[in-house]
Amino acid sequence: MPDELHFREVMARFATGVTVVTSRAPDGSPCGLTVNSVASVSLEPLLVLVCVERGAVSHGCIAEGGAFAVSVLGRHHEELAHRFSLGDRSARFDELHYRIEVTGSPVLEDAIAWLDCQVTAIHQGGDHSIVVGEVVACAARDGEPLLFYRGGYHRIGP
Protein backbone atom coordinates (compact mmCIF):
# COMPACT_ATOMS: atom_id res chain seq x y z
CA MET A 1 0.00 0.00 0.00
CA PRO A 2 1.56 3.36 -1.00
CA ASP A 3 1.98 6.01 1.66
CA GLU A 4 1.04 9.68 1.32
CA LEU A 5 4.53 10.77 0.26
CA HIS A 6 4.77 8.15 -2.49
CA PHE A 7 1.24 8.94 -3.70
CA ARG A 8 2.08 12.67 -3.88
CA GLU A 9 5.25 11.87 -5.85
CA VAL A 10 3.28 9.80 -8.35
CA MET A 11 0.47 12.36 -8.74
CA ALA A 12 3.02 15.16 -9.18
CA ARG A 13 3.72 13.66 -12.63
CA PHE A 14 0.21 14.67 -13.73
CA ALA A 15 0.31 18.23 -15.08
CA THR A 16 -2.76 20.32 -14.27
CA GLY A 17 -4.03 23.77 -15.00
CA VAL A 18 -4.11 26.32 -12.20
CA THR A 19 -7.27 28.13 -11.15
CA VAL A 20 -8.55 30.42 -8.45
CA VAL A 21 -11.93 29.33 -7.11
CA THR A 22 -13.92 32.14 -5.52
CA SER A 23 -17.17 32.70 -3.70
CA ARG A 24 -18.73 35.05 -1.16
CA ALA A 25 -18.50 34.76 2.63
CA PRO A 26 -21.74 35.18 4.62
CA ASP A 27 -20.84 38.85 5.22
CA GLY A 28 -20.56 39.39 1.43
CA SER A 29 -16.78 39.68 1.32
CA PRO A 30 -14.99 37.78 -1.44
CA CYS A 31 -13.09 34.61 -0.59
CA GLY A 32 -11.05 32.22 -2.68
CA LEU A 33 -8.11 29.88 -3.03
CA THR A 34 -5.84 28.31 -5.63
CA VAL A 35 -7.21 24.99 -6.89
CA ASN A 36 -5.80 22.60 -9.48
CA SER A 37 -8.41 19.85 -9.02
CA VAL A 38 -11.04 21.07 -11.49
CA ALA A 39 -12.82 18.97 -14.10
CA SER A 40 -15.77 19.07 -16.44
CA VAL A 41 -18.42 16.53 -15.45
CA SER A 42 -21.34 16.79 -17.87
CA LEU A 43 -22.57 18.61 -20.96
CA GLU A 44 -26.25 18.07 -20.12
CA PRO A 45 -26.58 19.81 -17.78
CA LEU A 46 -23.31 21.78 -17.88
CA LEU A 47 -21.49 20.62 -14.74
CA VAL A 48 -17.98 21.06 -13.36
CA LEU A 49 -16.38 19.95 -10.13
CA VAL A 50 -13.76 21.48 -7.87
CA CYS A 51 -12.03 19.67 -5.02
CA VAL A 52 -11.44 21.85 -1.95
CA GLU A 53 -9.50 20.77 1.12
CA ARG A 54 -11.88 20.82 4.07
CA GLY A 55 -9.21 22.47 6.24
CA ALA A 56 -8.72 25.39 3.82
CA VAL A 57 -9.78 28.78 5.16
CA SER A 58 -12.01 29.38 2.10
CA HIS A 59 -13.68 25.96 2.22
CA GLY A 60 -16.70 27.14 4.21
CA CYS A 61 -17.68 30.03 1.97
CA ILE A 62 -17.33 27.88 -1.16
CA ALA A 63 -19.10 24.80 0.20
CA GLU A 64 -21.84 26.72 2.02
CA GLY A 65 -22.19 29.76 -0.24
CA GLY A 66 -24.31 28.04 -2.87
CA ALA A 67 -22.18 29.35 -5.73
CA PHE A 68 -18.58 29.61 -6.91
CA ALA A 69 -16.54 30.86 -9.83
CA VAL A 70 -13.48 29.30 -11.42
CA SER A 71 -10.90 31.68 -12.94
CA VAL A 72 -8.32 29.88 -15.11
CA LEU A 73 -4.90 31.45 -14.63
CA GLY A 74 -2.62 32.41 -17.50
CA ARG A 75 1.14 31.95 -17.74
CA HIS A 76 1.72 35.38 -16.21
CA HIS A 77 -0.33 34.65 -13.05
CA GLU A 78 2.18 32.78 -10.89
CA GLU A 79 2.08 35.54 -8.25
CA LEU A 80 -1.73 35.22 -8.09
CA ALA A 81 -1.46 31.45 -7.66
CA HIS A 82 0.88 32.01 -4.70
CA ARG A 83 -1.30 34.78 -3.26
CA PHE A 84 -4.38 32.58 -3.23
CA SER A 85 -2.56 29.50 -1.90
CA LEU A 86 -0.21 30.94 0.71
CA GLY A 87 -1.12 34.58 1.12
CA ASP A 88 -3.08 36.27 3.89
CA ARG A 89 -6.75 35.43 3.28
CA SER A 90 -7.88 38.94 4.19
CA ALA A 91 -5.50 40.48 1.61
CA ARG A 92 -6.06 38.10 -1.31
CA PHE A 93 -8.37 40.52 -3.13
CA ASP A 94 -6.45 43.73 -2.26
CA GLU A 95 -5.72 45.79 -5.38
CA LEU A 96 -7.01 42.92 -7.53
CA HIS A 97 -9.27 43.60 -10.49
CA TYR A 98 -12.33 41.38 -10.45
CA ARG A 99 -15.98 41.59 -11.35
CA ILE A 100 -19.12 40.01 -9.99
CA GLU A 101 -20.89 37.57 -12.26
CA VAL A 102 -24.39 36.04 -12.31
CA THR A 103 -24.16 34.12 -9.02
CA GLY A 104 -22.46 36.96 -7.14
CA SER A 105 -19.12 35.17 -7.20
CA PRO A 106 -16.01 37.19 -8.10
CA VAL A 107 -14.25 36.46 -11.41
CA LEU A 108 -10.66 37.61 -11.88
CA GLU A 109 -10.59 40.18 -14.72
CA ASP A 110 -7.35 38.92 -16.24
CA ALA A 111 -8.25 35.20 -16.29
CA ILE A 112 -7.86 33.37 -19.61
CA ALA A 113 -11.18 31.59 -18.96
CA TRP A 114 -13.86 31.58 -16.28
CA LEU A 115 -16.96 29.69 -15.19
CA ASP A 116 -19.69 30.91 -12.85
CA CYS A 117 -21.52 28.06 -11.10
CA GLN A 118 -24.44 27.26 -8.80
CA VAL A 119 -23.61 24.45 -6.36
CA THR A 120 -25.67 21.34 -7.12
CA ALA A 121 -23.97 18.75 -4.89
CA ILE A 122 -21.18 18.32 -2.38
CA HIS A 123 -19.55 14.94 -1.83
CA GLN A 124 -16.96 13.99 0.77
CA GLY A 125 -13.72 12.68 -0.67
CA GLY A 126 -11.23 11.95 2.11
CA ASP A 127 -9.90 15.28 3.41
CA HIS A 128 -11.53 17.21 0.54
CA SER A 129 -15.03 18.21 -0.51
CA ILE A 130 -15.94 17.55 -4.12
CA VAL A 131 -18.13 20.51 -5.01
CA VAL A 132 -20.22 20.08 -8.16
CA GLY A 133 -21.63 23.16 -9.82
CA GLU A 134 -23.93 23.89 -12.75
CA VAL A 135 -22.35 26.43 -15.09
CA VAL A 136 -24.62 29.46 -15.52
CA ALA A 137 -22.10 31.67 -17.35
CA CYS A 138 -18.62 31.27 -18.82
CA ALA A 139 -16.16 32.79 -21.27
CA ALA A 140 -12.61 32.40 -22.57
CA ARG A 141 -10.00 34.51 -24.31
CA ASP A 142 -6.63 33.85 -25.90
CA GLY A 143 -3.73 33.17 -23.60
CA GLU A 144 -1.30 30.49 -22.50
CA PRO A 145 -2.16 28.62 -19.28
CA LEU A 146 -0.17 28.40 -16.08
CA LEU A 147 0.54 24.74 -15.29
CA PHE A 148 1.35 22.89 -12.07
CA TYR A 149 3.76 19.95 -12.39
CA ARG A 150 6.08 18.20 -9.91
CA GLY A 151 5.30 20.68 -7.16
CA GLY A 152 5.95 23.85 -9.14
CA TYR A 153 4.46 26.27 -11.66
CA HIS A 154 5.37 25.95 -15.33
CA ARG A 155 4.53 27.53 -18.66
CA ILE A 156 4.07 26.10 -22.13
CA GLY A 157 6.95 27.01 -24.44
CA PRO A 158 9.75 29.53 -23.87
C-alpha atoms as a PDB file:
ATOM      1  CA  MET A   1       0.000   0.000   0.000  1.00  0.00           C
ATOM      2  CA  PRO A   2       1.559   3.359  -1.000  1.00  0.00           C
ATOM      3  CA  ASP A   3       1.982   6.009   1.663  1.00  0.00           C
ATOM      4  CA  GLU A   4       1.036   9.685   1.318  1.00  0.00           C
ATOM      5  CA  LEU A   5       4.533  10.774   0.261  1.00  0.00           C
ATOM      6  CA  HIS A   6       4.769   8.151  -2.493  1.00  0.00           C
ATOM      7  CA  PHE A   7       1.243   8.944  -3.699  1.00  0.00           C
ATOM      8  CA  ARG A   8       2.080  12.668  -3.883  1.00  0.00           C
ATOM      9  CA  GLU A   9       5.248  11.868  -5.848  1.00  0.00           C
ATOM     10  CA  VAL A  10       3.275   9.796  -8.351  1.00  0.00           C
ATOM     11  CA  MET A  11       0.469  12.358  -8.738  1.00  0.00           C
ATOM     12  CA  ALA A  12       3.022  15.156  -9.183  1.00  0.00           C
ATOM     13  CA  ARG A  13       3.719  13.662 -12.628  1.00  0.00           C
ATOM     14  CA  PHE A  14       0.210  14.666 -13.733  1.00  0.00           C
ATOM     15  CA  ALA A  15       0.306  18.227 -15.078  1.00  0.00           C
ATOM     16  CA  THR A  16      -2.761  20.316 -14.274  1.00  0.00           C
ATOM     17  CA  GLY A  17      -4.028  23.769 -14.997  1.00  0.00           C
ATOM     18  CA  VAL A  18      -4.110  26.321 -12.195  1.00  0.00           C
ATOM     19  CA  THR A  19      -7.271  28.129 -11.152  1.00  0.00           C
ATOM     20  CA  VAL A  20      -8.547  30.422  -8.452  1.00  0.00           C
ATOM     21  CA  VAL A  21     -11.928  29.327  -7.107  1.00  0.00           C
ATOM     22  CA  THR A  22     -13.918  32.144  -5.523  1.00  0.00           C
ATOM     23  CA  SER A  23     -17.174  32.703  -3.700  1.00  0.00           C
ATOM     24  CA  ARG A  24     -18.727  35.048  -1.156  1.00  0.00           C
ATOM     25  CA  ALA A  25     -18.499  34.760   2.628  1.00  0.00           C
ATOM     26  CA  PRO A  26     -21.739  35.180   4.624  1.00  0.00           C
ATOM     27  CA  ASP A  27     -20.837  38.851   5.218  1.00  0.00           C
ATOM     28  CA  GLY A  28     -20.561  39.387   1.432  1.00  0.00           C
ATOM     29  CA  SER A  29     -16.779  39.679   1.325  1.00  0.00           C
ATOM     30  CA  PRO A  30     -14.987  37.778  -1.438  1.00  0.00           C
ATOM     31  CA  CYS A  31     -13.088  34.609  -0.591  1.00  0.00           C
ATOM     32  CA  GLY A  32     -11.049  32.219  -2.678  1.00  0.00           C
ATOM     33  CA  LEU A  33      -8.112  29.876  -3.029  1.00  0.00           C
ATOM     34  CA  THR A  34      -5.845  28.307  -5.626  1.00  0.00           C
ATOM     35  CA  VAL A  35      -7.207  24.985  -6.893  1.00  0.00           C
ATOM     36  CA  ASN A  36      -5.797  22.598  -9.484  1.00  0.00           C
ATOM     37  CA  SER A  37      -8.414  19.855  -9.024  1.00  0.00           C
ATOM     38  CA  VAL A  38     -11.041  21.066 -11.493  1.00  0.00           C
ATOM     39  CA  ALA A  39     -12.822  18.966 -14.100  1.00  0.00           C
ATOM     40  CA  SER A  40     -15.770  19.068 -16.441  1.00  0.00           C
ATOM     41  CA  VAL A  41     -18.416  16.533 -15.445  1.00  0.00           C
ATOM     42  CA  SER A  42     -21.344  16.793 -17.867  1.00  0.00           C
ATOM     43  CA  LEU A  43     -22.574  18.608 -20.957  1.00  0.00           C
ATOM     44  CA  GLU A  44     -26.252  18.066 -20.121  1.00  0.00           C
ATOM     45  CA  PRO A  45     -26.577  19.813 -17.780  1.00  0.00           C
ATOM     46  CA  LEU A  46     -23.314  21.778 -17.876  1.00  0.00           C
ATOM     47  CA  LEU A  47     -21.488  20.619 -14.738  1.00  0.00           C
ATOM     48  CA  VAL A  48     -17.976  21.064 -13.358  1.00  0.00           C
ATOM     49  CA  LEU A  49     -16.376  19.949 -10.132  1.00  0.00           C
ATOM     50  CA  VAL A  50     -13.765  21.478  -7.866  1.00  0.00           C
ATOM     51  CA  CYS A  51     -12.030  19.675  -5.022  1.00  0.00           C
ATOM     52  CA  VAL A  52     -11.441  21.847  -1.953  1.00  0.00           C
ATOM     53  CA  GLU A  53      -9.500  20.767   1.120  1.00  0.00           C
ATOM     54  CA  ARG A  54     -11.885  20.822   4.074  1.00  0.00           C
ATOM     55  CA  GLY A  55      -9.209  22.472   6.244  1.00  0.00           C
ATOM     56  CA  ALA A  56      -8.721  25.386   3.822  1.00  0.00           C
ATOM     57  CA  VAL A  57      -9.776  28.776   5.156  1.00  0.00           C
ATOM     58  CA  SER A  58     -12.014  29.384   2.103  1.00  0.00           C
ATOM     59  CA  HIS A  59     -13.685  25.962   2.223  1.00  0.00           C
ATOM     60  CA  GLY A  60     -16.698  27.144   4.211  1.00  0.00           C
ATOM     61  CA  CYS A  61     -17.683  30.026   1.975  1.00  0.00           C
ATOM     62  CA  ILE A  62     -17.332  27.884  -1.161  1.00  0.00           C
ATOM     63  CA  ALA A  63     -19.102  24.804   0.200  1.00  0.00           C
ATOM     64  CA  GLU A  64     -21.840  26.718   2.017  1.00  0.00           C
ATOM     65  CA  GLY A  65     -22.194  29.763  -0.243  1.00  0.00           C
ATOM     66  CA  GLY A  66     -24.310  28.043  -2.870  1.00  0.00           C
ATOM     67  CA  ALA A  67     -22.180  29.354  -5.728  1.00  0.00           C
ATOM     68  CA  PHE A  68     -18.582  29.610  -6.905  1.00  0.00           C
ATOM     69  CA  ALA A  69     -16.544  30.862  -9.832  1.00  0.00           C
ATOM     70  CA  VAL A  70     -13.476  29.302 -11.421  1.00  0.00           C
ATOM     71  CA  SER A  71     -10.901  31.678 -12.940  1.00  0.00           C
ATOM     72  CA  VAL A  72      -8.315  29.881 -15.112  1.00  0.00           C
ATOM     73  CA  LEU A  73      -4.898  31.454 -14.635  1.00  0.00           C
ATOM     74  CA  GLY A  74      -2.617  32.411 -17.498  1.00  0.00           C
ATOM     75  CA  ARG A  75       1.143  31.945 -17.738  1.00  0.00           C
ATOM     76  CA  HIS A  76       1.724  35.384 -16.206  1.00  0.00           C
ATOM     77  CA  HIS A  77      -0.330  34.652 -13.048  1.00  0.00           C
ATOM     78  CA  GLU A  78       2.178  32.780 -10.894  1.00  0.00           C
ATOM     79  CA  GLU A  79       2.076  35.543  -8.249  1.00  0.00           C
ATOM     80  CA  LEU A  80      -1.729  35.220  -8.090  1.00  0.00           C
ATOM     81  CA  ALA A  81      -1.465  31.452  -7.662  1.00  0.00           C
ATOM     82  CA  HIS A  82       0.883  32.013  -4.705  1.00  0.00           C
ATOM     83  CA  ARG A  83      -1.295  34.782  -3.257  1.00  0.00           C
ATOM     84  CA  PHE A  84      -4.380  32.576  -3.234  1.00  0.00           C
ATOM     85  CA  SER A  85      -2.565  29.503  -1.896  1.00  0.00           C
ATOM     86  CA  LEU A  86      -0.206  30.945   0.712  1.00  0.00           C
ATOM     87  CA  GLY A  87      -1.124  34.584   1.120  1.00  0.00           C
ATOM     88  CA  ASP A  88      -3.077  36.275   3.894  1.00  0.00           C
ATOM     89  CA  ARG A  89      -6.749  35.428   3.276  1.00  0.00           C
ATOM     90  CA  SER A  90      -7.876  38.940   4.186  1.00  0.00           C
ATOM     91  CA  ALA A  91      -5.503  40.476   1.614  1.00  0.00           C
ATOM     92  CA  ARG A  92      -6.064  38.104  -1.312  1.00  0.00           C
ATOM     93  CA  PHE A  93      -8.373  40.522  -3.134  1.00  0.00           C
ATOM     94  CA  ASP A  94      -6.452  43.727  -2.261  1.00  0.00           C
ATOM     95  CA  GLU A  95      -5.718  45.788  -5.385  1.00  0.00           C
ATOM     96  CA  LEU A  96      -7.011  42.917  -7.528  1.00  0.00           C
ATOM     97  CA  HIS A  97      -9.273  43.596 -10.492  1.00  0.00           C
ATOM     98  CA  TYR A  98     -12.328  41.375 -10.450  1.00  0.00           C
ATOM     99  CA  ARG A  99     -15.985  41.594 -11.353  1.00  0.00           C
ATOM    100  CA  ILE A 100     -19.122  40.006  -9.987  1.00  0.00           C
ATOM    101  CA  GLU A 101     -20.887  37.569 -12.258  1.00  0.00           C
ATOM    102  CA  VAL A 102     -24.391  36.039 -12.312  1.00  0.00           C
ATOM    103  CA  THR A 103     -24.162  34.124  -9.019  1.00  0.00           C
ATOM    104  CA  GLY A 104     -22.464  36.964  -7.136  1.00  0.00           C
ATOM    105  CA  SER A 105     -19.115  35.171  -7.197  1.00  0.00           C
ATOM    106  CA  PRO A 106     -16.011  37.189  -8.102  1.00  0.00           C
ATOM    107  CA  VAL A 107     -14.255  36.464 -11.410  1.00  0.00           C
ATOM    108  CA  LEU A 108     -10.659  37.610 -11.885  1.00  0.00           C
ATOM    109  CA  GLU A 109     -10.591  40.176 -14.716  1.00  0.00           C
ATOM    110  CA  ASP A 110      -7.355  38.919 -16.244  1.00  0.00           C
ATOM    111  CA  ALA A 111      -8.247  35.196 -16.294  1.00  0.00           C
ATOM    112  CA  ILE A 112      -7.862  33.373 -19.607  1.00  0.00           C
ATOM    113  CA  ALA A 113     -11.179  31.592 -18.957  1.00  0.00           C
ATOM    114  CA  TRP A 114     -13.858  31.576 -16.284  1.00  0.00           C
ATOM    115  CA  LEU A 115     -16.960  29.686 -15.193  1.00  0.00           C
ATOM    116  CA  ASP A 116     -19.689  30.909 -12.851  1.00  0.00           C
ATOM    117  CA  CYS A 117     -21.515  28.057 -11.099  1.00  0.00           C
ATOM    118  CA  GLN A 118     -24.436  27.256  -8.803  1.00  0.00           C
ATOM    119  CA  VAL A 119     -23.606  24.454  -6.359  1.00  0.00           C
ATOM    120  CA  THR A 120     -25.673  21.336  -7.118  1.00  0.00           C
ATOM    121  CA  ALA A 121     -23.966  18.752  -4.891  1.00  0.00           C
ATOM    122  CA  ILE A 122     -21.177  18.318  -2.379  1.00  0.00           C
ATOM    123  CA  HIS A 123     -19.546  14.938  -1.830  1.00  0.00           C
ATOM    124  CA  GLN A 124     -16.960  13.989   0.768  1.00  0.00           C
ATOM    125  CA  GLY A 125     -13.719  12.677  -0.672  1.00  0.00           C
ATOM    126  CA  GLY A 126     -11.232  11.955   2.106  1.00  0.00           C
ATOM    127  CA  ASP A 127      -9.902  15.277   3.412  1.00  0.00           C
ATOM    128  CA  HIS A 128     -11.527  17.212   0.542  1.00  0.00           C
ATOM    129  CA  SER A 129     -15.031  18.214  -0.507  1.00  0.00           C
ATOM    130  CA  ILE A 130     -15.943  17.550  -4.119  1.00  0.00           C
ATOM    131  CA  VAL A 131     -18.132  20.508  -5.013  1.00  0.00           C
ATOM    132  CA  VAL A 132     -20.224  20.077  -8.165  1.00  0.00           C
ATOM    133  CA  GLY A 133     -21.632  23.157  -9.821  1.00  0.00           C
ATOM    134  CA  GLU A 134     -23.925  23.892 -12.747  1.00  0.00           C
ATOM    135  CA  VAL A 135     -22.350  26.426 -15.094  1.00  0.00           C
ATOM    136  CA  VAL A 136     -24.615  29.459 -15.517  1.00  0.00           C
ATOM    137  CA  ALA A 137     -22.099  31.670 -17.349  1.00  0.00           C
ATOM    138  CA  CYS A 138     -18.616  31.271 -18.817  1.00  0.00           C
ATOM    139  CA  ALA A 139     -16.162  32.790 -21.266  1.00  0.00           C
ATOM    140  CA  ALA A 140     -12.609  32.399 -22.571  1.00  0.00           C
ATOM    141  CA  ARG A 141     -10.002  34.515 -24.306  1.00  0.00           C
ATOM    142  CA  ASP A 142      -6.633  33.854 -25.898  1.00  0.00           C
ATOM    143  CA  GLY A 143      -3.734  33.166 -23.603  1.00  0.00           C
ATOM    144  CA  GLU A 144      -1.299  30.491 -22.503  1.00  0.00           C
ATOM    145  CA  PRO A 145      -2.161  28.619 -19.282  1.00  0.00           C
ATOM    146  CA  LEU A 146      -0.175  28.400 -16.078  1.00  0.00           C
ATOM    147  CA  LEU A 147       0.543  24.745 -15.290  1.00  0.00           C
ATOM    148  CA  PHE A 148       1.346  22.891 -12.074  1.00  0.00           C
ATOM    149  CA  TYR A 149       3.757  19.951 -12.390  1.00  0.00           C
ATOM    150  CA  ARG A 150       6.077  18.195  -9.913  1.00  0.00           C
ATOM    151  CA  GLY A 151       5.301  20.679  -7.156  1.00  0.00           C
ATOM    152  CA  GLY A 152       5.953  23.852  -9.141  1.00  0.00           C
ATOM    153  CA  TYR A 153       4.465  26.265 -11.663  1.00  0.00           C
ATOM    154  CA  HIS A 154       5.375  25.949 -15.330  1.00  0.00           C
ATOM    155  CA  ARG A 155       4.527  27.531 -18.662  1.00  0.00           C
ATOM    156  CA  ILE A 156       4.073  26.105 -22.128  1.00  0.00           C
ATOM    157  CA  GLY A 157       6.948  27.011 -24.436  1.00  0.00           C
ATOM    158  CA  PRO A 158       9.747  29.531 -23.870  1.00  0.00           C
END
